[in-house]
N, C-alpha and C. Protein backbone atom coordinates (compact mmCIF):
# COMPACT_ATOMS: atom_id res chain seq x y z
N UNK A 1 20.79 -68.51 -42.87
CA UNK A 1 21.51 -69.77 -42.67
C UNK A 1 20.73 -70.61 -41.65
N UNK A 2 20.52 -71.86 -42.00
CA UNK A 2 19.79 -72.77 -41.14
C UNK A 2 20.71 -73.31 -40.06
N UNK A 3 20.16 -73.42 -38.85
CA UNK A 3 20.93 -73.99 -37.75
C UNK A 3 20.91 -75.50 -37.89
N UNK A 4 22.03 -76.14 -37.64
CA UNK A 4 22.10 -77.60 -37.70
C UNK A 4 22.73 -78.13 -36.45
N UNK A 5 22.46 -79.34 -36.17
CA UNK A 5 23.10 -80.06 -35.11
C UNK A 5 24.53 -80.39 -35.55
N UNK A 6 25.54 -79.97 -34.82
CA UNK A 6 26.92 -80.10 -35.26
C UNK A 6 27.33 -81.54 -35.50
N UNK A 7 26.76 -82.48 -34.82
CA UNK A 7 27.17 -83.87 -34.98
C UNK A 7 26.50 -84.53 -36.21
N UNK A 8 25.22 -84.26 -36.41
CA UNK A 8 24.47 -85.00 -37.41
C UNK A 8 24.20 -84.19 -38.70
N UNK A 9 24.41 -82.92 -38.67
CA UNK A 9 24.16 -82.07 -39.84
C UNK A 9 22.70 -82.11 -40.30
N UNK A 10 21.80 -82.45 -39.38
CA UNK A 10 20.36 -82.43 -39.67
C UNK A 10 19.84 -81.06 -39.27
N UNK A 11 19.09 -80.39 -40.15
CA UNK A 11 18.55 -79.08 -39.79
C UNK A 11 17.68 -79.15 -38.50
N UNK A 12 17.76 -78.13 -37.67
CA UNK A 12 17.05 -78.09 -36.42
C UNK A 12 15.54 -78.27 -36.68
N UNK A 13 15.01 -77.69 -37.75
CA UNK A 13 13.58 -77.79 -38.07
C UNK A 13 13.18 -79.26 -38.25
N UNK A 14 14.06 -80.05 -38.87
CA UNK A 14 13.77 -81.47 -39.05
C UNK A 14 13.71 -82.19 -37.71
N UNK A 15 14.64 -81.84 -36.81
CA UNK A 15 14.63 -82.47 -35.49
C UNK A 15 13.37 -82.07 -34.71
N UNK A 16 12.96 -80.82 -34.85
CA UNK A 16 11.76 -80.37 -34.17
C UNK A 16 10.55 -81.10 -34.74
N UNK A 17 10.49 -81.23 -36.08
CA UNK A 17 9.39 -81.94 -36.71
C UNK A 17 9.35 -83.38 -36.26
N UNK A 18 10.50 -84.05 -36.20
CA UNK A 18 10.58 -85.42 -35.75
C UNK A 18 10.10 -85.54 -34.31
N UNK A 19 10.53 -84.59 -33.46
CA UNK A 19 10.11 -84.59 -32.08
C UNK A 19 8.61 -84.44 -31.92
N UNK A 20 8.00 -83.55 -32.75
CA UNK A 20 6.56 -83.38 -32.69
C UNK A 20 5.81 -84.64 -33.12
N UNK A 21 6.33 -85.30 -34.14
CA UNK A 21 5.72 -86.55 -34.62
C UNK A 21 5.79 -87.61 -33.53
N UNK A 22 6.99 -87.75 -32.92
CA UNK A 22 7.15 -88.77 -31.87
C UNK A 22 6.23 -88.44 -30.69
N UNK A 23 6.17 -87.17 -30.29
CA UNK A 23 5.29 -86.79 -29.18
C UNK A 23 3.83 -87.07 -29.50
N UNK A 24 3.42 -86.84 -30.74
CA UNK A 24 2.03 -87.09 -31.09
C UNK A 24 1.66 -88.56 -31.04
N UNK A 25 2.66 -89.43 -31.12
CA UNK A 25 2.43 -90.84 -31.03
C UNK A 25 2.43 -91.36 -29.60
N UNK A 26 2.86 -90.55 -28.66
CA UNK A 26 3.00 -90.95 -27.27
C UNK A 26 1.74 -91.60 -26.68
N UNK A 27 0.55 -91.03 -26.89
CA UNK A 27 -0.64 -91.67 -26.30
C UNK A 27 -0.93 -93.07 -26.85
N UNK A 28 -0.35 -93.42 -27.98
CA UNK A 28 -0.64 -94.71 -28.60
C UNK A 28 0.36 -95.78 -28.20
N UNK A 29 1.29 -95.44 -27.32
CA UNK A 29 2.24 -96.45 -26.82
C UNK A 29 1.50 -97.52 -26.06
N UNK A 30 0.36 -97.20 -25.49
CA UNK A 30 -0.40 -98.23 -24.77
C UNK A 30 -0.79 -99.36 -25.70
N UNK A 31 -1.01 -99.04 -27.00
CA UNK A 31 -1.35 -100.09 -27.98
C UNK A 31 -0.18 -100.97 -28.30
N UNK A 32 1.02 -100.40 -28.19
CA UNK A 32 2.23 -101.18 -28.48
C UNK A 32 2.58 -102.05 -27.27
N UNK A 33 2.43 -101.51 -26.07
CA UNK A 33 2.82 -102.19 -24.83
C UNK A 33 1.81 -103.26 -24.42
N UNK A 34 0.52 -102.97 -24.59
CA UNK A 34 -0.51 -103.88 -24.11
C UNK A 34 -1.39 -104.39 -25.25
N UNK A 35 -2.01 -105.50 -25.00
CA UNK A 35 -3.01 -106.08 -25.94
C UNK A 35 -4.37 -105.97 -25.27
N UNK A 36 -5.34 -105.47 -26.01
CA UNK A 36 -6.68 -105.28 -25.46
C UNK A 36 -7.21 -106.60 -24.90
N UNK A 37 -7.60 -106.60 -23.63
CA UNK A 37 -8.17 -107.76 -22.99
C UNK A 37 -7.17 -108.81 -22.55
N UNK A 38 -5.88 -108.61 -22.85
CA UNK A 38 -4.91 -109.67 -22.50
C UNK A 38 -3.77 -109.15 -21.60
N UNK A 39 -3.63 -107.88 -21.46
CA UNK A 39 -2.55 -107.35 -20.65
C UNK A 39 -1.32 -106.99 -21.50
N UNK A 40 -0.17 -107.10 -20.83
CA UNK A 40 1.09 -106.72 -21.49
C UNK A 40 1.42 -107.76 -22.57
N UNK A 41 1.93 -107.25 -23.68
CA UNK A 41 2.28 -108.12 -24.81
C UNK A 41 3.46 -109.07 -24.40
N UNK A 42 3.48 -110.24 -25.03
CA UNK A 42 4.44 -111.26 -24.62
C UNK A 42 5.89 -110.85 -24.88
N UNK A 43 6.18 -110.02 -25.86
CA UNK A 43 7.53 -109.66 -26.17
C UNK A 43 8.07 -108.51 -25.29
N UNK A 44 7.19 -107.91 -24.47
CA UNK A 44 7.63 -106.87 -23.55
C UNK A 44 8.31 -107.54 -22.34
N UNK A 45 9.53 -107.14 -22.02
CA UNK A 45 10.20 -107.79 -20.87
C UNK A 45 9.46 -107.51 -19.58
N UNK A 46 9.39 -108.54 -18.76
CA UNK A 46 8.71 -108.41 -17.46
C UNK A 46 9.73 -107.89 -16.44
N UNK A 47 9.55 -106.61 -16.08
CA UNK A 47 10.48 -106.02 -15.11
C UNK A 47 9.78 -105.62 -13.82
N UNK A 48 8.47 -105.94 -13.74
CA UNK A 48 7.74 -105.78 -12.49
C UNK A 48 7.05 -104.46 -12.32
N UNK A 49 7.05 -103.60 -13.33
CA UNK A 49 6.39 -102.31 -13.19
C UNK A 49 4.90 -102.46 -12.95
N UNK A 50 4.28 -103.36 -13.70
CA UNK A 50 2.84 -103.55 -13.53
C UNK A 50 2.51 -104.03 -12.13
N UNK A 51 3.33 -104.92 -11.59
CA UNK A 51 3.12 -105.42 -10.23
C UNK A 51 3.28 -104.31 -9.19
N UNK A 52 4.27 -103.43 -9.41
CA UNK A 52 4.49 -102.33 -8.47
C UNK A 52 3.31 -101.37 -8.48
N UNK A 53 2.74 -101.14 -9.65
CA UNK A 53 1.63 -100.18 -9.79
C UNK A 53 0.29 -100.74 -9.38
N UNK A 54 0.19 -102.05 -9.23
CA UNK A 54 -1.11 -102.68 -8.91
C UNK A 54 -1.41 -102.52 -7.45
N UNK A 55 -2.60 -102.02 -7.14
CA UNK A 55 -3.00 -101.83 -5.73
C UNK A 55 -3.67 -103.10 -5.20
N UNK A 56 -4.08 -103.08 -3.94
CA UNK A 56 -4.65 -104.26 -3.31
C UNK A 56 -5.97 -104.71 -3.92
N UNK A 57 -6.66 -103.79 -4.60
CA UNK A 57 -7.95 -104.14 -5.24
C UNK A 57 -7.76 -104.67 -6.66
N UNK A 58 -6.53 -104.74 -7.13
CA UNK A 58 -6.26 -105.21 -8.48
C UNK A 58 -6.26 -104.14 -9.54
N UNK A 59 -6.51 -102.90 -9.16
CA UNK A 59 -6.46 -101.77 -10.08
C UNK A 59 -5.01 -101.26 -10.25
N UNK A 60 -4.78 -100.58 -11.31
CA UNK A 60 -3.45 -100.04 -11.59
C UNK A 60 -3.50 -98.55 -11.32
N UNK A 61 -2.97 -98.09 -10.21
CA UNK A 61 -2.90 -96.67 -9.84
C UNK A 61 -4.31 -96.03 -9.91
N UNK A 62 -5.31 -96.75 -9.50
CA UNK A 62 -6.65 -96.20 -9.51
C UNK A 62 -7.43 -96.45 -10.79
N UNK A 63 -6.80 -97.05 -11.78
CA UNK A 63 -7.45 -97.35 -13.06
C UNK A 63 -7.80 -98.85 -13.09
N UNK A 64 -8.80 -99.20 -13.92
CA UNK A 64 -9.20 -100.59 -13.94
C UNK A 64 -8.20 -101.52 -14.62
N UNK A 65 -7.44 -101.02 -15.58
CA UNK A 65 -6.46 -101.85 -16.28
C UNK A 65 -5.17 -101.05 -16.51
N UNK A 66 -4.11 -101.80 -16.72
CA UNK A 66 -2.81 -101.23 -17.03
C UNK A 66 -2.87 -100.43 -18.34
N UNK A 67 -3.66 -100.94 -19.30
CA UNK A 67 -3.82 -100.29 -20.59
C UNK A 67 -4.42 -98.87 -20.44
N UNK A 68 -5.46 -98.75 -19.65
CA UNK A 68 -6.09 -97.44 -19.44
C UNK A 68 -5.15 -96.52 -18.68
N UNK A 69 -4.46 -97.05 -17.69
CA UNK A 69 -3.47 -96.24 -16.95
C UNK A 69 -2.43 -95.70 -17.91
N UNK A 70 -1.87 -96.53 -18.78
CA UNK A 70 -0.86 -96.08 -19.70
C UNK A 70 -1.39 -95.03 -20.68
N UNK A 71 -2.60 -95.25 -21.18
CA UNK A 71 -3.16 -94.30 -22.11
C UNK A 71 -3.31 -92.93 -21.44
N UNK A 72 -3.89 -92.91 -20.24
CA UNK A 72 -4.08 -91.64 -19.54
C UNK A 72 -2.74 -90.98 -19.20
N UNK A 73 -1.78 -91.78 -18.76
CA UNK A 73 -0.50 -91.26 -18.37
C UNK A 73 0.22 -90.64 -19.57
N UNK A 74 0.27 -91.37 -20.71
CA UNK A 74 0.93 -90.84 -21.91
C UNK A 74 0.17 -89.65 -22.46
N UNK A 75 -1.12 -89.61 -22.38
CA UNK A 75 -1.91 -88.48 -22.85
C UNK A 75 -1.55 -87.23 -22.02
N UNK A 76 -1.51 -87.39 -20.72
CA UNK A 76 -1.14 -86.25 -19.83
C UNK A 76 0.29 -85.85 -20.02
N UNK A 77 1.18 -86.80 -20.24
CA UNK A 77 2.59 -86.50 -20.50
C UNK A 77 2.72 -85.72 -21.80
N UNK A 78 1.97 -86.10 -22.82
CA UNK A 78 1.98 -85.39 -24.11
C UNK A 78 1.58 -83.95 -23.90
N UNK A 79 0.52 -83.69 -23.17
CA UNK A 79 0.08 -82.35 -22.92
C UNK A 79 1.14 -81.54 -22.19
N UNK A 80 1.71 -82.11 -21.15
CA UNK A 80 2.73 -81.44 -20.34
C UNK A 80 3.96 -81.09 -21.21
N UNK A 81 4.47 -82.05 -21.94
CA UNK A 81 5.66 -81.80 -22.76
C UNK A 81 5.35 -80.79 -23.87
N UNK A 82 4.17 -80.87 -24.45
CA UNK A 82 3.78 -79.91 -25.51
C UNK A 82 3.72 -78.49 -24.97
N UNK A 83 3.19 -78.33 -23.78
CA UNK A 83 3.12 -76.99 -23.20
C UNK A 83 4.52 -76.45 -22.88
N UNK A 84 5.40 -77.32 -22.44
CA UNK A 84 6.79 -76.89 -22.21
C UNK A 84 7.42 -76.46 -23.51
N UNK A 85 7.17 -77.24 -24.57
CA UNK A 85 7.71 -76.88 -25.89
C UNK A 85 7.15 -75.56 -26.38
N UNK A 86 5.87 -75.32 -26.16
CA UNK A 86 5.26 -74.06 -26.57
C UNK A 86 5.86 -72.93 -25.77
N UNK A 87 6.09 -73.15 -24.49
CA UNK A 87 6.74 -72.11 -23.67
C UNK A 87 8.12 -71.76 -24.20
N UNK A 88 8.89 -72.76 -24.56
CA UNK A 88 10.22 -72.52 -25.07
C UNK A 88 10.15 -71.78 -26.41
N UNK A 89 9.21 -72.20 -27.28
CA UNK A 89 9.05 -71.58 -28.60
C UNK A 89 8.52 -70.18 -28.53
N UNK A 90 7.87 -69.81 -27.44
CA UNK A 90 7.25 -68.50 -27.30
C UNK A 90 8.20 -67.47 -26.70
N UNK A 91 9.47 -67.75 -26.74
CA UNK A 91 10.46 -66.83 -26.16
C UNK A 91 10.33 -65.47 -26.89
N UNK A 92 10.19 -64.42 -26.09
CA UNK A 92 10.07 -63.08 -26.63
C UNK A 92 8.62 -62.67 -26.88
N UNK A 93 7.66 -63.59 -26.72
CA UNK A 93 6.26 -63.26 -26.91
C UNK A 93 5.68 -62.72 -25.60
N UNK A 94 4.76 -61.76 -25.72
CA UNK A 94 4.22 -61.15 -24.49
C UNK A 94 3.32 -62.12 -23.72
N UNK A 95 2.74 -63.10 -24.36
CA UNK A 95 1.83 -64.01 -23.68
C UNK A 95 2.55 -65.18 -22.99
N UNK A 96 3.85 -65.25 -23.15
CA UNK A 96 4.63 -66.39 -22.66
C UNK A 96 4.40 -66.71 -21.19
N UNK A 97 4.32 -65.69 -20.37
CA UNK A 97 4.15 -65.91 -18.93
C UNK A 97 2.87 -66.64 -18.57
N UNK A 98 1.84 -66.46 -19.37
CA UNK A 98 0.55 -67.11 -19.12
C UNK A 98 0.63 -68.62 -19.33
N UNK A 99 1.59 -69.09 -20.13
CA UNK A 99 1.72 -70.51 -20.36
C UNK A 99 2.07 -71.29 -19.09
N UNK A 100 2.52 -70.57 -18.06
CA UNK A 100 2.81 -71.25 -16.81
C UNK A 100 1.56 -71.85 -16.21
N UNK A 101 0.40 -71.23 -16.42
CA UNK A 101 -0.83 -71.74 -15.82
C UNK A 101 -1.17 -73.16 -16.37
N UNK A 102 -1.29 -73.35 -17.67
CA UNK A 102 -1.59 -74.72 -18.11
C UNK A 102 -0.43 -75.72 -17.89
N UNK A 103 0.83 -75.20 -17.92
CA UNK A 103 1.94 -76.08 -17.65
C UNK A 103 1.88 -76.62 -16.22
N UNK A 104 1.65 -75.76 -15.28
CA UNK A 104 1.56 -76.17 -13.90
C UNK A 104 0.35 -77.06 -13.66
N UNK A 105 -0.76 -76.76 -14.33
CA UNK A 105 -1.95 -77.60 -14.18
C UNK A 105 -1.72 -78.99 -14.78
N UNK A 106 -1.06 -79.05 -15.92
CA UNK A 106 -0.76 -80.35 -16.54
C UNK A 106 0.23 -81.14 -15.64
N UNK A 107 1.22 -80.43 -15.09
CA UNK A 107 2.17 -81.08 -14.19
C UNK A 107 1.47 -81.57 -12.94
N UNK A 108 0.53 -80.80 -12.44
CA UNK A 108 -0.24 -81.19 -11.26
C UNK A 108 -1.08 -82.47 -11.57
N UNK A 109 -1.66 -82.51 -12.74
CA UNK A 109 -2.45 -83.69 -13.15
C UNK A 109 -1.54 -84.92 -13.21
N UNK A 110 -0.35 -84.76 -13.78
CA UNK A 110 0.59 -85.89 -13.85
C UNK A 110 0.99 -86.34 -12.44
N UNK A 111 1.25 -85.36 -11.58
CA UNK A 111 1.65 -85.69 -10.20
C UNK A 111 0.56 -86.43 -9.48
N UNK A 112 -0.68 -85.99 -9.65
CA UNK A 112 -1.83 -86.68 -9.03
C UNK A 112 -1.90 -88.11 -9.52
N UNK A 113 -1.70 -88.30 -10.82
CA UNK A 113 -1.76 -89.65 -11.35
C UNK A 113 -0.61 -90.53 -10.86
N UNK A 114 0.59 -89.99 -10.85
CA UNK A 114 1.78 -90.74 -10.44
C UNK A 114 1.67 -91.12 -8.96
N UNK A 115 1.16 -90.21 -8.14
CA UNK A 115 1.02 -90.46 -6.70
C UNK A 115 -0.22 -91.24 -6.34
N UNK A 116 -0.99 -91.63 -7.34
CA UNK A 116 -2.24 -92.37 -7.14
C UNK A 116 -3.17 -91.62 -6.18
N UNK A 117 -3.28 -90.32 -6.43
CA UNK A 117 -4.11 -89.47 -5.56
C UNK A 117 -5.39 -89.04 -6.23
N UNK A 118 -5.84 -89.79 -7.23
CA UNK A 118 -7.04 -89.42 -7.98
C UNK A 118 -8.28 -89.39 -7.11
N UNK A 119 -8.35 -90.23 -6.11
CA UNK A 119 -9.52 -90.28 -5.28
C UNK A 119 -9.40 -89.41 -4.02
N UNK A 120 -8.36 -88.62 -3.93
CA UNK A 120 -8.16 -87.77 -2.75
C UNK A 120 -8.79 -86.40 -3.01
N UNK A 121 -8.77 -85.59 -2.00
CA UNK A 121 -9.31 -84.22 -2.07
C UNK A 121 -8.51 -83.37 -3.09
N UNK A 122 -7.22 -83.73 -3.33
CA UNK A 122 -6.40 -82.94 -4.21
C UNK A 122 -6.78 -83.06 -5.69
N UNK A 123 -7.63 -84.04 -5.99
CA UNK A 123 -8.03 -84.26 -7.37
C UNK A 123 -9.48 -83.80 -7.63
N UNK A 124 -10.14 -83.29 -6.62
CA UNK A 124 -11.52 -82.86 -6.78
C UNK A 124 -11.57 -81.60 -7.66
N UNK A 125 -12.61 -81.48 -8.49
CA UNK A 125 -12.68 -80.32 -9.39
C UNK A 125 -12.62 -78.96 -8.70
N UNK A 126 -13.30 -78.82 -7.55
CA UNK A 126 -13.30 -77.51 -6.91
C UNK A 126 -11.90 -77.16 -6.40
N UNK A 127 -11.17 -78.11 -5.87
CA UNK A 127 -9.79 -77.84 -5.39
C UNK A 127 -8.90 -77.48 -6.57
N UNK A 128 -9.01 -78.21 -7.67
CA UNK A 128 -8.20 -77.93 -8.83
C UNK A 128 -8.53 -76.56 -9.40
N UNK A 129 -9.82 -76.20 -9.38
CA UNK A 129 -10.26 -74.91 -9.89
C UNK A 129 -9.64 -73.78 -9.05
N UNK A 130 -9.72 -73.93 -7.73
CA UNK A 130 -9.15 -72.95 -6.83
C UNK A 130 -7.64 -72.83 -7.02
N UNK A 131 -6.97 -73.96 -7.16
CA UNK A 131 -5.52 -73.95 -7.40
C UNK A 131 -5.23 -73.22 -8.68
N UNK A 132 -5.98 -73.45 -9.74
CA UNK A 132 -5.74 -72.79 -11.01
C UNK A 132 -5.96 -71.28 -10.88
N UNK A 133 -6.99 -70.86 -10.18
CA UNK A 133 -7.22 -69.42 -9.99
C UNK A 133 -6.09 -68.80 -9.21
N UNK A 134 -5.68 -69.44 -8.14
CA UNK A 134 -4.61 -68.88 -7.29
C UNK A 134 -3.29 -68.81 -8.10
N UNK A 135 -2.96 -69.88 -8.80
CA UNK A 135 -1.75 -69.85 -9.63
C UNK A 135 -1.83 -68.76 -10.68
N UNK A 136 -2.97 -68.62 -11.30
CA UNK A 136 -3.16 -67.61 -12.33
C UNK A 136 -2.93 -66.20 -11.77
N UNK A 137 -3.53 -65.94 -10.62
CA UNK A 137 -3.38 -64.63 -10.01
C UNK A 137 -1.92 -64.35 -9.62
N UNK A 138 -1.25 -65.34 -9.06
CA UNK A 138 0.17 -65.19 -8.67
C UNK A 138 1.03 -64.92 -9.91
N UNK A 139 0.80 -65.68 -10.97
CA UNK A 139 1.61 -65.49 -12.20
C UNK A 139 1.36 -64.15 -12.84
N UNK A 140 0.13 -63.71 -12.91
CA UNK A 140 -0.17 -62.40 -13.52
C UNK A 140 0.41 -61.29 -12.67
N UNK A 141 0.21 -61.36 -11.36
CA UNK A 141 0.77 -60.31 -10.48
C UNK A 141 2.30 -60.26 -10.55
N UNK A 142 2.91 -61.44 -10.59
CA UNK A 142 4.39 -61.51 -10.71
C UNK A 142 4.86 -60.90 -12.03
N UNK A 143 4.14 -61.19 -13.11
CA UNK A 143 4.50 -60.66 -14.41
C UNK A 143 4.45 -59.13 -14.41
N UNK A 144 3.35 -58.56 -13.91
CA UNK A 144 3.21 -57.12 -13.92
C UNK A 144 4.20 -56.43 -12.96
N UNK A 145 4.50 -57.09 -11.85
CA UNK A 145 5.48 -56.57 -10.92
C UNK A 145 6.89 -56.54 -11.59
N UNK A 146 7.25 -57.63 -12.22
CA UNK A 146 8.54 -57.66 -12.92
C UNK A 146 8.58 -56.68 -14.08
N UNK A 147 7.47 -56.55 -14.78
CA UNK A 147 7.43 -55.61 -15.92
C UNK A 147 7.58 -54.17 -15.42
N UNK A 148 6.93 -53.86 -14.29
CA UNK A 148 7.03 -52.50 -13.73
C UNK A 148 8.49 -52.22 -13.30
N UNK A 149 9.12 -53.22 -12.69
CA UNK A 149 10.54 -53.07 -12.30
C UNK A 149 11.42 -52.81 -13.51
N UNK A 150 11.17 -53.58 -14.57
CA UNK A 150 11.97 -53.44 -15.79
C UNK A 150 11.76 -52.06 -16.41
N UNK A 151 10.52 -51.57 -16.47
CA UNK A 151 10.24 -50.25 -17.00
C UNK A 151 10.87 -49.17 -16.16
N UNK A 152 10.79 -49.33 -14.84
CA UNK A 152 11.42 -48.36 -13.95
C UNK A 152 12.93 -48.32 -14.14
N UNK A 153 13.55 -49.49 -14.25
CA UNK A 153 15.01 -49.55 -14.48
C UNK A 153 15.38 -48.89 -15.80
N UNK A 154 14.60 -49.16 -16.84
CA UNK A 154 14.87 -48.54 -18.15
C UNK A 154 14.70 -47.01 -18.06
N UNK A 155 13.68 -46.58 -17.34
CA UNK A 155 13.45 -45.14 -17.22
C UNK A 155 14.57 -44.48 -16.40
N UNK A 156 15.03 -45.17 -15.36
CA UNK A 156 16.12 -44.66 -14.55
C UNK A 156 17.41 -44.55 -15.37
N UNK A 157 17.64 -45.52 -16.23
CA UNK A 157 18.85 -45.47 -17.07
C UNK A 157 18.77 -44.35 -18.08
N UNK A 158 17.58 -44.08 -18.62
CA UNK A 158 17.41 -43.00 -19.56
C UNK A 158 17.58 -41.65 -18.87
N UNK A 159 17.11 -41.53 -17.63
CA UNK A 159 17.21 -40.29 -16.89
C UNK A 159 18.61 -40.02 -16.45
N UNK A 160 19.42 -41.08 -16.30
CA UNK A 160 20.81 -40.88 -15.85
C UNK A 160 21.72 -40.33 -16.95
N UNK A 161 21.27 -40.42 -18.18
CA UNK A 161 22.07 -39.88 -19.29
C UNK A 161 21.79 -38.46 -19.44
């Protein structure tokens, strides 16, 4: 029996497929929002976001144009959301715990971009590499520690019978 959304009667697989299609279009929103060489399209309401993001040098959060900023932001957001989706879909898989490494790295990249910290030490390749290694080691050690606890608990329960 296929699972459906109780309100819409649309099969869950169709909703997932629609979500994947919408996510895959995310990086191209910059083409909808901005016009190459002209800035924001005329039909987009002016709510001041571009002004808020513009720094004193005229760049947008460290990027030369709003269009490039949006493309990079949506690309990174796509990666982050996709990894979260993969993590959710991998429930019950032995490799699931490892997905935390790219999820955290993608989240870190988004955070660096949102905080306009691309030119800081936190965005340098060597710092990011060290952070990835440290996160990887912590996640792997935590996984094996939890697995050992689980196996010990199962063994204790079997011995108690």
